Amino acid sequence: MKNATVSYRIEEDIKNDAEAILQRLGIPVSVAISSLYRQIIAWNGLPFSLTLPRQDETALDLSDSEFNERLERGYQQVMRHEGRPLDEVFDDLERKYAQ
């Protein structure tokens, strides 16, 4: 029997965007919230992971000494012929960022 109330405060734009999606799916907000609670119980926690998106590191994120150390390491790799052909590197970058 449904006899409990859930009350929460949330940013209006998030509420409106989520409710618009639920409406298009034909799912009442109460059913979505109830489903989330049931999944929390079933998973004994949140049914999804909470992580920060991975961001690629840039030269601006490095201290001068870290930047110089990486340049030196790269130079040494080139001198030992441990590098990859440039077209291979650009193909990999293109695949990675074309998504």
PDB file of N, CA and C in Angstrom:
ATOM      1  N   MET A   1       0.844  -1.169   0.000  1.00  0.00           N
ATOM      2  CA  MET A   1       0.000   0.000   0.000  1.00  0.00           C
ATOM      3  C   MET A   1       0.898   1.243   0.000  1.00  0.00           C
ATOM      4  N   LYS A   2       0.578   2.178  -0.848  1.00  0.00           N
ATOM      5  CA  LYS A   2       1.362   3.413  -0.928  1.00  0.00           C
ATOM      6  C   LYS A   2       0.882   4.373   0.153  1.00  0.00           C
ATOM      7  N   ASN A   3       1.753   4.626   1.147  1.00  0.00           N
ATOM      8  CA  ASN A   3       1.355   5.523   2.227  1.00  0.00           C
ATOM      9  C   ASN A   3       2.490   6.443   2.666  1.00  0.00           C
ATOM     10  N   ALA A   4       3.555   6.545   1.865  1.00  0.00           N
ATOM     11  CA  ALA A   4       4.679   7.414   2.208  1.00  0.00           C
ATOM     12  C   ALA A   4       4.817   8.496   1.141  1.00  0.00           C
ATOM     13  N   THR A   5       5.337   9.644   1.568  1.00  0.00           N
ATOM     14  CA  THR A   5       5.529  10.763   0.663  1.00  0.00           C
ATOM     15  C   THR A   5       7.010  11.086   0.558  1.00  0.00           C
ATOM     16  N   VAL A   6       7.461  11.380  -0.645  1.00  0.00           N
ATOM     17  CA  VAL A   6       8.834  11.823  -0.871  1.00  0.00           C
ATOM     18  C   VAL A   6       8.756  13.271  -1.326  1.00  0.00           C
ATOM     19  N   SER A   7       9.495  14.121  -0.660  1.00  0.00           N
ATOM     20  CA  SER A   7       9.513  15.540  -1.023  1.00  0.00           C
ATOM     21  C   SER A   7      10.967  15.970  -1.173  1.00  0.00           C
ATOM     22  N   TYR A   8      11.271  16.659  -2.241  1.00  0.00           N
ATOM     23  CA  TYR A   8      12.646  17.091  -2.477  1.00  0.00           C
ATOM     24  C   TYR A   8      12.644  18.408  -3.240  1.00  0.00           C
ATOM     25  N   ARG A   9      13.764  19.115  -3.165  1.00  0.00           N
ATOM     26  CA  ARG A   9      13.941  20.359  -3.907  1.00  0.00           C
ATOM     27  C   ARG A   9      15.021  20.107  -4.952  1.00  0.00           C
ATOM     28  N   ILE A  10      14.784  20.621  -6.142  1.00  0.00           N
ATOM     29  CA  ILE A  10      15.697  20.389  -7.256  1.00  0.00           C
ATOM     30  C   ILE A  10      15.650  21.613  -8.176  1.00  0.00           C
ATOM     31  N   GLU A  11      16.685  21.795  -8.949  1.00  0.00           N
ATOM     32  CA  GLU A  11      16.707  22.914  -9.891  1.00  0.00           C
ATOM     33  C   GLU A  11      15.559  22.759 -10.888  1.00  0.00           C
ATOM     34  N   GLU A  12      14.891  23.861 -11.175  1.00  0.00           N
ATOM     35  CA  GLU A  12      13.688  23.819 -12.008  1.00  0.00           C
ATOM     36  C   GLU A  12      13.963  23.294 -13.412  1.00  0.00           C
ATOM     37  N   ASP A  13      15.091  23.689 -14.012  1.00  0.00           N
ATOM     38  CA  ASP A  13      15.357  23.232 -15.377  1.00  0.00           C
ATOM     39  C   ASP A  13      15.601  21.728 -15.425  1.00  0.00           C
ATOM     40  N   ILE A  14      16.250  21.170 -14.401  1.00  0.00           N
ATOM     41  CA  ILE A  14      16.467  19.728 -14.353  1.00  0.00           C
ATOM     42  C   ILE A  14      15.132  19.006 -14.206  1.00  0.00           C
ATOM     43  N   LYS A  15      14.290  19.515 -13.316  1.00  0.00           N
ATOM     44  CA  LYS A  15      12.960  18.931 -13.102  1.00  0.00           C
ATOM     45  C   LYS A  15      12.166  18.943 -14.401  1.00  0.00           C
ATOM     46  N   ASN A  16      12.132  20.083 -15.056  1.00  0.00           N
ATOM     47  CA  ASN A  16      11.343  20.213 -16.281  1.00  0.00           C
ATOM     48  C   ASN A  16      11.870  19.306 -17.395  1.00  0.00           C
ATOM     49  N   ASP A  17      13.186  19.271 -17.561  1.00  0.00           N
ATOM     50  CA  ASP A  17      13.773  18.428 -18.616  1.00  0.00           C
ATOM     51  C   ASP A  17      13.473  16.950 -18.361  1.00  0.00           C
ATOM     52  N   ALA A  18      13.667  16.508 -17.121  1.00  0.00           N
ATOM     53  CA  ALA A  18      13.428  15.103 -16.783  1.00  0.00           C
ATOM     54  C   ALA A  18      11.953  14.747 -16.933  1.00  0.00           C
ATOM     55  N   GLU A  19      11.080  15.612 -16.455  1.00  0.00           N
ATOM     56  CA  GLU A  19       9.650  15.328 -16.541  1.00  0.00           C
ATOM     57  C   GLU A  19       9.159  15.317 -17.984  1.00  0.00           C
ATOM     58  N   ALA A  20       9.758  16.146 -18.829  1.00  0.00           N
ATOM     59  CA  ALA A  20       9.380  16.141 -20.254  1.00  0.00           C
ATOM     60  C   ALA A  20       9.748  14.791 -20.885  1.00  0.00           C
ATOM     61  N   ILE A  21      10.904  14.273 -20.533  1.00  0.00           N
ATOM     62  CA  ILE A  21      11.324  12.967 -21.065  1.00  0.00           C
ATOM     63  C   ILE A  21      10.401  11.871 -20.540  1.00  0.00           C
ATOM     64  N   LEU A  22      10.122  11.896 -19.240  1.00  0.00           N
ATOM     65  CA  LEU A  22       9.227  10.895 -18.670  1.00  0.00           C
ATOM     66  C   LEU A  22       7.843  10.960 -19.319  1.00  0.00           C
ATOM     67  N   GLN A  23       7.369  12.152 -19.587  1.00  0.00           N
ATOM     68  CA  GLN A  23       6.057  12.312 -20.223  1.00  0.00           C
ATOM     69  C   GLN A  23       6.061  11.684 -21.619  1.00  0.00           C
ATOM     70  N   ARG A  24       7.134  11.929 -22.380  1.00  0.00           N
ATOM     71  CA  ARG A  24       7.231  11.331 -23.720  1.00  0.00           C
ATOM     72  C   ARG A  24       7.270   9.805 -23.633  1.00  0.00           C
ATOM     73  N   LEU A  25       7.863   9.273 -22.559  1.00  0.00           N
ATOM     74  CA  LEU A  25       7.912   7.826 -22.355  1.00  0.00           C
ATOM     75  C   LEU A  25       6.602   7.283 -21.787  1.00  0.00           C
ATOM     76  N   GLY A  26       5.749   8.175 -21.323  1.00  0.00           N
ATOM     77  CA  GLY A  26       4.486   7.750 -20.726  1.00  0.00           C
ATOM     78  C   GLY A  26       4.643   7.211 -19.322  1.00  0.00           C
ATOM     79  N   ILE A  27       5.670   7.685 -18.617  1.00  0.00           N
ATOM     80  CA  ILE A  27       5.947   7.208 -17.260  1.00  0.00           C
ATOM     81  C   ILE A  27       5.701   8.337 -16.268  1.00  0.00           C
ATOM     82  N   PRO A  28       4.789   8.139 -15.325  1.00  0.00           N
ATOM     83  CA  PRO A  28       4.568   9.167 -14.297  1.00  0.00           C
ATOM     84  C   PRO A  28       5.824   9.336 -13.422  1.00  0.00           C
ATOM     85  N   VAL A  29       6.010  10.524 -12.910  1.00  0.00           N
ATOM     86  CA  VAL A  29       7.171  10.811 -12.063  1.00  0.00           C
ATOM     87  C   VAL A  29       7.203   9.866 -10.861  1.00  0.00           C
ATOM     88  N   SER A  30       6.063   9.607 -10.276  1.00  0.00           N
ATOM     89  CA  SER A  30       6.023   8.723  -9.106  1.00  0.00           C
ATOM     90  C   SER A  30       6.518   7.321  -9.452  1.00  0.00           C
ATOM     91  N   VAL A  31       6.230   6.836 -10.638  1.00  0.00           N
ATOM     92  CA  VAL A  31       6.693   5.511 -11.048  1.00  0.00           C
ATOM     93  C   VAL A  31       8.210   5.527 -11.245  1.00  0.00           C
ATOM     94  N   ALA A  32       8.733   6.603 -11.825  1.00  0.00           N
ATOM     95  CA  ALA A  32      10.180   6.711 -12.029  1.00  0.00           C
ATOM     96  C   ALA A  32      10.910   6.739 -10.690  1.00  0.00           C
ATOM     97  N   ILE A  33      10.408   7.510  -9.747  1.00  0.00           N
ATOM     98  CA  ILE A  33      11.037   7.590  -8.431  1.00  0.00           C
ATOM     99  C   ILE A  33      10.931   6.252  -7.708  1.00  0.00           C
ATOM    100  N   SER A  34       9.781   5.619  -7.772  1.00  0.00           N
ATOM    101  CA  SER A  34       9.602   4.308  -7.154  1.00  0.00           C
ATOM    102  C   SER A  34      10.546   3.285  -7.777  1.00  0.00           C
ATOM    103  N   SER A  35      10.706   3.339  -9.093  1.00  0.00           N
ATOM    104  CA  SER A  35      11.627   2.422  -9.780  1.00  0.00           C
ATOM    105  C   SER A  35      13.060   2.649  -9.318  1.00  0.00           C
ATOM    106  N   LEU A  36      13.455   3.916  -9.170  1.00  0.00           N
ATOM    107  CA  LEU A  36      14.799   4.215  -8.684  1.00  0.00           C
ATOM    108  C   LEU A  36      14.990   3.648  -7.285  1.00  0.00           C
ATOM    109  N   TYR A  37      14.043   3.848  -6.403  1.00  0.00           N
ATOM    110  CA  TYR A  37      14.151   3.321  -5.044  1.00  0.00           C
ATOM    111  C   TYR A  37      14.260   1.795  -5.051  1.00  0.00           C
ATOM    112  N   ARG A  38      13.470   1.136  -5.900  1.00  0.00           N
ATOM    113  CA  ARG A  38      13.525  -0.320  -5.981  1.00  0.00           C
ATOM    114  C   ARG A  38      14.893  -0.795  -6.476  1.00  0.00           C
ATOM    115  N   GLN A  39      15.472  -0.065  -7.416  1.00  0.00           N
ATOM    116  CA  GLN A  39      16.795  -0.414  -7.919  1.00  0.00           C
ATOM    117  C   GLN A  39      17.867  -0.182  -6.855  1.00  0.00           C
ATOM    118  N   ILE A  40      17.717   0.857  -6.071  1.00  0.00           N
ATOM    119  CA  ILE A  40      18.649   1.107  -4.964  1.00  0.00           C
ATOM    120  C   ILE A  40      18.617  -0.074  -3.999  1.00  0.00           C
ATOM    121  N   ILE A  41      17.429  -0.574  -3.714  1.00  0.00           N
ATOM    122  CA  ILE A  41      17.290  -1.735  -2.825  1.00  0.00           C
ATOM    123  C   ILE A  41      17.913  -2.971  -3.475  1.00  0.00           C
ATOM    124  N   ALA A  42      17.600  -3.209  -4.749  1.00  0.00           N
ATOM    125  CA  ALA A  42      18.100  -4.403  -5.437  1.00  0.00           C
ATOM    126  C   ALA A  42      19.624  -4.406  -5.549  1.00  0.00           C
ATOM    127  N   TRP A  43      20.210  -3.234  -5.788  1.00  0.00           N
ATOM    128  CA  TRP A  43      21.663  -3.126  -5.953  1.00  0.00           C
ATOM    129  C   TRP A  43      22.384  -2.863  -4.636  1.00  0.00           C
ATOM    130  N   ASN A  44      21.600  -2.615  -3.588  1.00  0.00           N
ATOM    131  CA  ASN A  44      22.172  -2.240  -2.295  1.00  0.00           C
ATOM    132  C   ASN A  44      23.053  -0.995  -2.445  1.00  0.00           C
ATOM    133  N   GLY A  45      22.591  -0.077  -3.253  1.00  0.00           N
ATOM    134  CA  GLY A  45      23.304   1.167  -3.559  1.00  0.00           C
ATOM    135  C   GLY A  45      22.718   1.761  -4.826  1.00  0.00           C
ATOM    136  N   LEU A  46      23.362   2.744  -5.337  1.00  0.00           N
ATOM    137  CA  LEU A  46      22.868   3.352  -6.576  1.00  0.00           C
ATOM    138  C   LEU A  46      23.048   2.378  -7.740  1.00  0.00           C
ATOM    139  N   PRO A  47      22.076   2.320  -8.645  1.00  0.00           N
ATOM    140  CA  PRO A  47      22.153   1.370  -9.751  1.00  0.00           C
ATOM    141  C   PRO A  47      23.024   1.858 -10.913  1.00  0.00           C
ATOM    142  N   PHE A  48      23.861   2.815 -10.655  1.00  0.00           N
ATOM    143  CA  PHE A  48      24.790   3.337 -11.657  1.00  0.00           C
ATOM    144  C   PHE A  48      25.994   3.887 -10.918  1.00  0.00           C
ATOM    145  N   SER A  49      27.107   3.986 -11.633  1.00  0.00           N
ATOM    146  CA  SER A  49      28.305   4.489 -10.967  1.00  0.00           C
ATOM    147  C   SER A  49      28.340   6.012 -11.026  1.00  0.00           C
ATOM    148  N   LEU A  50      28.879   6.591 -10.000  1.00  0.00           N
ATOM    149  CA  LEU A  50      29.058   8.040  -9.956  1.00  0.00           C
ATOM    150  C   LEU A  50      30.543   8.314 -10.128  1.00  0.00           C
ATOM    151  N   THR A  51      30.900   8.777 -11.302  1.00  0.00           N
ATOM    152  CA  THR A  51      32.293   9.076 -11.594  1.00  0.00           C
ATOM    153  C   THR A  51      32.367  10.394 -12.338  1.00  0.00           C
ATOM    154  N   LEU A  52      33.517  10.986 -12.276  1.00  0.00           N
ATOM    155  CA  LEU A  52      33.752  12.195 -13.052  1.00  0.00           C
ATOM    156  C   LEU A  52      34.236  11.782 -14.428  1.00  0.00           C
ATOM    157  N   PRO A  53      33.775  12.469 -15.471  1.00  0.00           N
ATOM    158  CA  PRO A  53      34.268  12.123 -16.799  1.00  0.00           C
ATOM    159  C   PRO A  53      35.769  12.350 -16.883  1.00  0.00           C
ATOM    160  N   ARG A  54      36.436  11.447 -17.549  1.00  0.00           N
ATOM    161  CA  ARG A  54      37.881  11.568 -17.689  1.00  0.00           C
ATOM    162  C   ARG A  54      38.197  12.693 -18.667  1.00  0.00           C
ATOM    163  N   GLN A  55      39.090  13.548 -18.269  1.00  0.00           N
ATOM    164  CA  GLN A  55      39.491  14.650 -19.127  1.00  0.00           C
ATOM    165  C   GLN A  55      40.929  14.450 -19.550  1.00  0.00           C
ATOM    166  N   ASP A  56      41.188  14.687 -20.812  1.00  0.00           N
ATOM    167  CA  ASP A  56      42.548  14.569 -21.305  1.00  0.00           C
ATOM    168  C   ASP A  56      43.410  15.666 -20.708  1.00  0.00           C
ATOM    169  N   GLU A  57      44.601  15.296 -20.334  1.00  0.00           N
ATOM    170  CA  GLU A  57      45.554  16.233 -19.755  1.00  0.00           C
ATOM    171  C   GLU A  57      46.172  17.074 -20.868  1.00  0.00           C
ATOM    172  N   THR A  58      46.368  18.333 -20.602  1.00  0.00           N
ATOM    173  CA  THR A  58      47.023  19.214 -21.567  1.00  0.00           C
ATOM    174  C   THR A  58      48.300  19.765 -20.943  1.00  0.00           C
ATOM    175  N   ALA A  59      49.120  20.392 -21.774  1.00  0.00           N
ATOM    176  CA  ALA A  59      50.361  20.992 -21.290  1.00  0.00           C
ATOM    177  C   ALA A  59      50.083  22.039 -20.215  1.00  0.00           C
ATOM    178  N   LEU A  60      48.921  22.681 -20.273  1.00  0.00           N
ATOM    179  CA  LEU A  60      48.581  23.700 -19.285  1.00  0.00           C
ATOM    180  C   LEU A  60      48.358  23.111 -17.893  1.00  0.00           C
ATOM    181  N   ASP A  61      48.081  21.800 -17.834  1.00  0.00           N
ATOM    182  CA  ASP A  61      47.859  21.138 -16.546  1.00  0.00           C
ATOM    183  C   ASP A  61      49.169  20.769 -15.850  1.00  0.00           C
ATOM    184  N   LEU A  62      50.292  20.889 -16.539  1.00  0.00           N
ATOM    185  CA  LEU A  62      51.576  20.459 -16.011  1.00  0.00           C
ATOM    186  C   LEU A  62      52.383  21.634 -15.483  1.00  0.00           C
ATOM    187  N   SER A  63      53.195  21.351 -14.466  1.00  0.00           N
ATOM    188  CA  SER A  63      54.148  22.363 -14.012  1.00  0.00           C
ATOM    189  C   SER A  63      55.261  22.445 -15.057  1.00  0.00           C
ATOM    190  N   ASP A  64      56.069  23.473 -14.988  1.00  0.00           N
ATOM    191  CA  ASP A  64      57.178  23.620 -15.934  1.00  0.00           C
ATOM    192  C   ASP A  64      58.111  22.420 -15.878  1.00  0.00           C
ATOM    193  N   SER A  65      58.405  21.933 -14.666  1.00  0.00           N
ATOM    194  CA  SER A  65      59.325  20.804 -14.546  1.00  0.00           C
ATOM    195  C   SER A  65      58.710  19.525 -15.115  1.00  0.00           C
ATOM    196  N   GLU A  66      57.400  19.299 -14.873  1.00  0.00           N
ATOM    197  CA  GLU A  66      56.734  18.127 -15.444  1.00  0.00           C
ATOM    198  C   GLU A  66      56.717  18.198 -16.969  1.00  0.00           C
ATOM    199  N   PHE A  67      56.431  19.373 -17.496  1.00  0.00           N
ATOM    200  CA  PHE A  67      56.393  19.567 -18.947  1.00  0.00           C
ATOM    201  C   PHE A  67      57.769  19.285 -19.561  1.00  0.00           C
ATOM    202  N   ASN A  68      58.810  19.860 -18.954  1.00  0.00           N
ATOM    203  CA  ASN A  68      60.165  19.654 -19.466  1.00  0.00           C
ATOM    204  C   ASN A  68      60.591  18.194 -19.358  1.00  0.00           C
ATOM    205  N   GLU A  69      60.190  17.540 -18.282  1.00  0.00           N
ATOM    206  CA  GLU A  69      60.515  16.119 -18.104  1.00  0.00           C
ATOM    207  C   GLU A  69      59.861  15.280 -19.202  1.00  0.00           C
ATOM    208  N   ARG A  70      58.624  15.580 -19.530  1.00  0.00           N
ATOM    209  CA  ARG A  70      57.936  14.827 -20.588  1.00  0.00           C
ATOM    210  C   ARG A  70      58.548  15.106 -21.957  1.00  0.00           C
ATOM    211  N   LEU A  71      58.932  16.347 -22.191  1.00  0.00           N
ATOM    212  CA  LEU A  71      59.616  16.659 -23.452  1.00  0.00           C
ATOM    213  C   LEU A  71      60.916  15.879 -23.559  1.00  0.00           C
ATOM    214  N   GLU A  72      61.680  15.844 -22.485  1.00  0.00           N
ATOM    215  CA  GLU A  72      62.946  15.115 -22.486  1.00  0.00           C
ATOM    216  C   GLU A  72      62.719  13.622 -22.708  1.00  0.00           C
ATOM    217  N   ARG A  73      61.715  13.066 -22.028  1.00  0.00           N
ATOM    218  CA  ARG A  73      61.408  11.647 -22.191  1.00  0.00           C
ATOM    219  C   ARG A  73      61.009  11.346 -23.640  1.00  0.00           C
ATOM    220  N   GLY A  74      60.206  12.222 -24.225  1.00  0.00           N
ATOM    221  CA  GLY A  74      59.810  12.054 -25.621  1.00  0.00           C
ATOM    222  C   GLY A  74      60.990  12.140 -26.559  1.00  0.00           C
ATOM    223  N   TYR A  75      61.862  13.083 -26.301  1.00  0.00           N
ATOM    224  CA  TYR A  75      63.068  13.238 -27.124  1.00  0.00           C
ATOM    225  C   TYR A  75      63.929  11.976 -27.054  1.00  0.00           C
ATOM    226  N   GLN A  76      64.087  11.440 -25.848  1.00  0.00           N
ATOM    227  CA  GLN A  76      64.888  10.222 -25.680  1.00  0.00           C
ATOM    228  C   GLN A  76      64.252   9.039 -26.412  1.00  0.00           C
ATOM    229  N   GLN A  77      62.940   8.952 -26.399  1.00  0.00           N
ATOM    230  CA  GLN A  77      62.253   7.881 -27.124  1.00  0.00           C
ATOM    231  C   GLN A  77      62.502   8.008 -28.630  1.00  0.00           C
ATOM    232  N   VAL A  78      62.461   9.233 -29.140  1.00  0.00           N
ATOM    233  CA  VAL A  78      62.729   9.456 -30.562  1.00  0.00           C
ATOM    234  C   VAL A  78      64.151   9.031 -30.894  1.00  0.00           C
ATOM    235  N   MET A  79      65.086   9.393 -30.042  1.00  0.00           N
ATOM    236  CA  MET A  79      66.484   9.054 -30.295  1.00  0.00           C
ATOM    237  C   MET A  79      66.704   7.533 -30.276  1.00  0.00           C
ATOM    238  N   ARG A  80      65.869   6.801 -29.513  1.00  0.00           N
ATOM    239  CA  ARG A  80      65.987   5.339 -29.463  1.00  0.00           C
ATOM    240  C   ARG A  80      65.088   4.676 -30.513  1.00  0.00           C
ATOM    241  N   HIS A  81      64.465   5.483 -31.371  1.00  0.00           N
ATOM    242  CA  HIS A  81      63.569   4.996 -32.435  1.00  0.00           C
ATOM    243  C   HIS A  81      62.387   4.205 -31.872  1.00  0.00           C
ATOM    244  N   GLU A  82      61.853   4.674 -30.744  1.00  0.00           N
ATOM    245  CA  GLU A  82      60.720   4.004 -30.110  1.00  0.00           C
ATOM    246  C   GLU A  82      59.382   4.639 -30.484  1.00  0.00           C
ATOM    247  N   GLY A  83      59.399   5.599 -31.358  1.00  0.00           N
ATOM    248  CA  GLY A  83      58.173   6.298 -31.721  1.00  0.00           C
ATOM    249  C   GLY A  83      57.309   5.519 -32.697  1.00  0.00           C
ATOM    250  N   ARG A  84      56.191   6.112 -33.056  1.00  0.00           N
ATOM    251  CA  ARG A  84      55.270   5.550 -34.032  1.00  0.00           C
ATOM    252  C   ARG A  84      55.204   6.485 -35.224  1.00  0.00           C
ATOM    253  N   PRO A  85      54.872   5.952 -36.393  1.00  0.00           N
ATOM    254  CA  PRO A  85      54.719   6.826 -37.565  1.00  0.00           C
ATOM    255  C   PRO A  85      53.634   7.878 -37.316  1.00  0.00           C
ATOM    256  N   LEU A  86      53.874   9.083 -37.780  1.00  0.00           N
ATOM    257  CA  LEU A  86      52.966  10.204 -37.541  1.00  0.00           C
ATOM    258  C   LEU A  86      51.564   9.923 -38.066  1.00  0.00           C
ATOM    259  N   ASP A  87      51.440   9.318 -39.238  1.00  0.00           N
ATOM    260  CA  ASP A  87      50.110   9.053 -39.790  1.00  0.00           C
ATOM    261  C   ASP A  87      49.322   8.078 -38.910  1.00  0.00           C
ATOM    262  N   GLU A  88      50.016   7.152 -38.245  1.00  0.00           N
ATOM    263  CA  GLU A  88      49.368   6.236 -37.309  1.00  0.00           C
ATOM    264  C   GLU A  88      48.820   6.989 -36.100  1.00  0.00           C
ATOM    265  N   VAL A  89      49.605   7.901 -35.592  1.00  0.00           N
ATOM    266  CA  VAL A  89      49.194   8.699 -34.430  1.00  0.00           C
ATOM    267  C   VAL A  89      47.967   9.538 -34.787  1.00  0.00           C
ATOM    268  N   PHE A  90      47.995  10.205 -35.939  1.00  0.00           N
ATOM    269  CA  PHE A  90      46.860  11.033 -36.342  1.00  0.00           C
ATOM    270  C   PHE A  90      45.619  10.194 -36.622  1.00  0.00           C
ATOM    271  N   ASP A  91      45.792   8.995 -37.174  1.00  0.00           N
ATOM    272  CA  ASP A  91      44.647   8.103 -37.381  1.00  0.00           C
ATOM    273  C   ASP A  91      44.005   7.744 -36.044  1.00  0.00           C
ATOM    274  N   ASP A  92      44.837   7.442 -35.051  1.00  0.00           N
ATOM    275  CA  ASP A  92      44.305   7.122 -33.724  1.00  0.00           C
ATOM    276  C   ASP A  92      43.568   8.309 -33.110  1.00  0.00           C
ATOM    277  N   LEU A  93      44.143   9.501 -33.229  1.00  0.00           N
ATOM    278  CA  LEU A  93      43.498  10.714 -32.700  1.00  0.00           C
ATOM    279  C   LEU A  93      42.180  10.971 -33.412  1.00  0.00           C
ATOM    280  N   GLU A  94      42.175  10.790 -34.714  1.00  0.00           N
ATOM    281  CA  GLU A  94      40.949  11.011 -35.480  1.00  0.00           C
ATOM    282  C   GLU A  94      39.844  10.046 -35.049  1.00  0.00           C
ATOM    283  N   ARG A  95      40.206   8.775 -34.854  1.00  0.00           N
ATOM    284  CA  ARG A  95      39.224   7.791 -34.383  1.00  0.00           C
ATOM    285  C   ARG A  95      38.706   8.171 -32.995  1.00  0.00           C
ATOM    286  N   LYS A  96      39.611   8.595 -32.132  1.00  0.00           N
ATOM    287  CA  LYS A  96      39.231   8.905 -30.754  1.00  0.00           C
ATOM    288  C   LYS A  96      38.277  10.098 -30.686  1.00  0.00           C
ATOM    289  N   TYR A  97      38.540  11.128 -31.462  1.00  0.00           N
ATOM    290  CA  TYR A  97      37.766  12.366 -31.333  1.00  0.00           C
ATOM    291  C   TYR A  97      36.671  12.512 -32.375  1.00  0.00           C
ATOM    292  N   ALA A  98      36.520  11.554 -33.272  1.00  0.00           N
ATOM    293  CA  ALA A  98      35.462  11.629 -34.284  1.00  0.00           C
ATOM    294  C   ALA A  98      34.119  11.194 -33.723  1.00  0.00           C
ATOM    295  N   GLN A  99      34.132  10.603 -32.537  1.00  0.00           N
ATOM    296  CA  GLN A  99      32.898  10.084 -31.951  1.00  0.00           C
ATOM    297  C   GLN A  99      32.045  11.187 -31.533  1.00  0.00           C
TER     298      GLN A  99
END
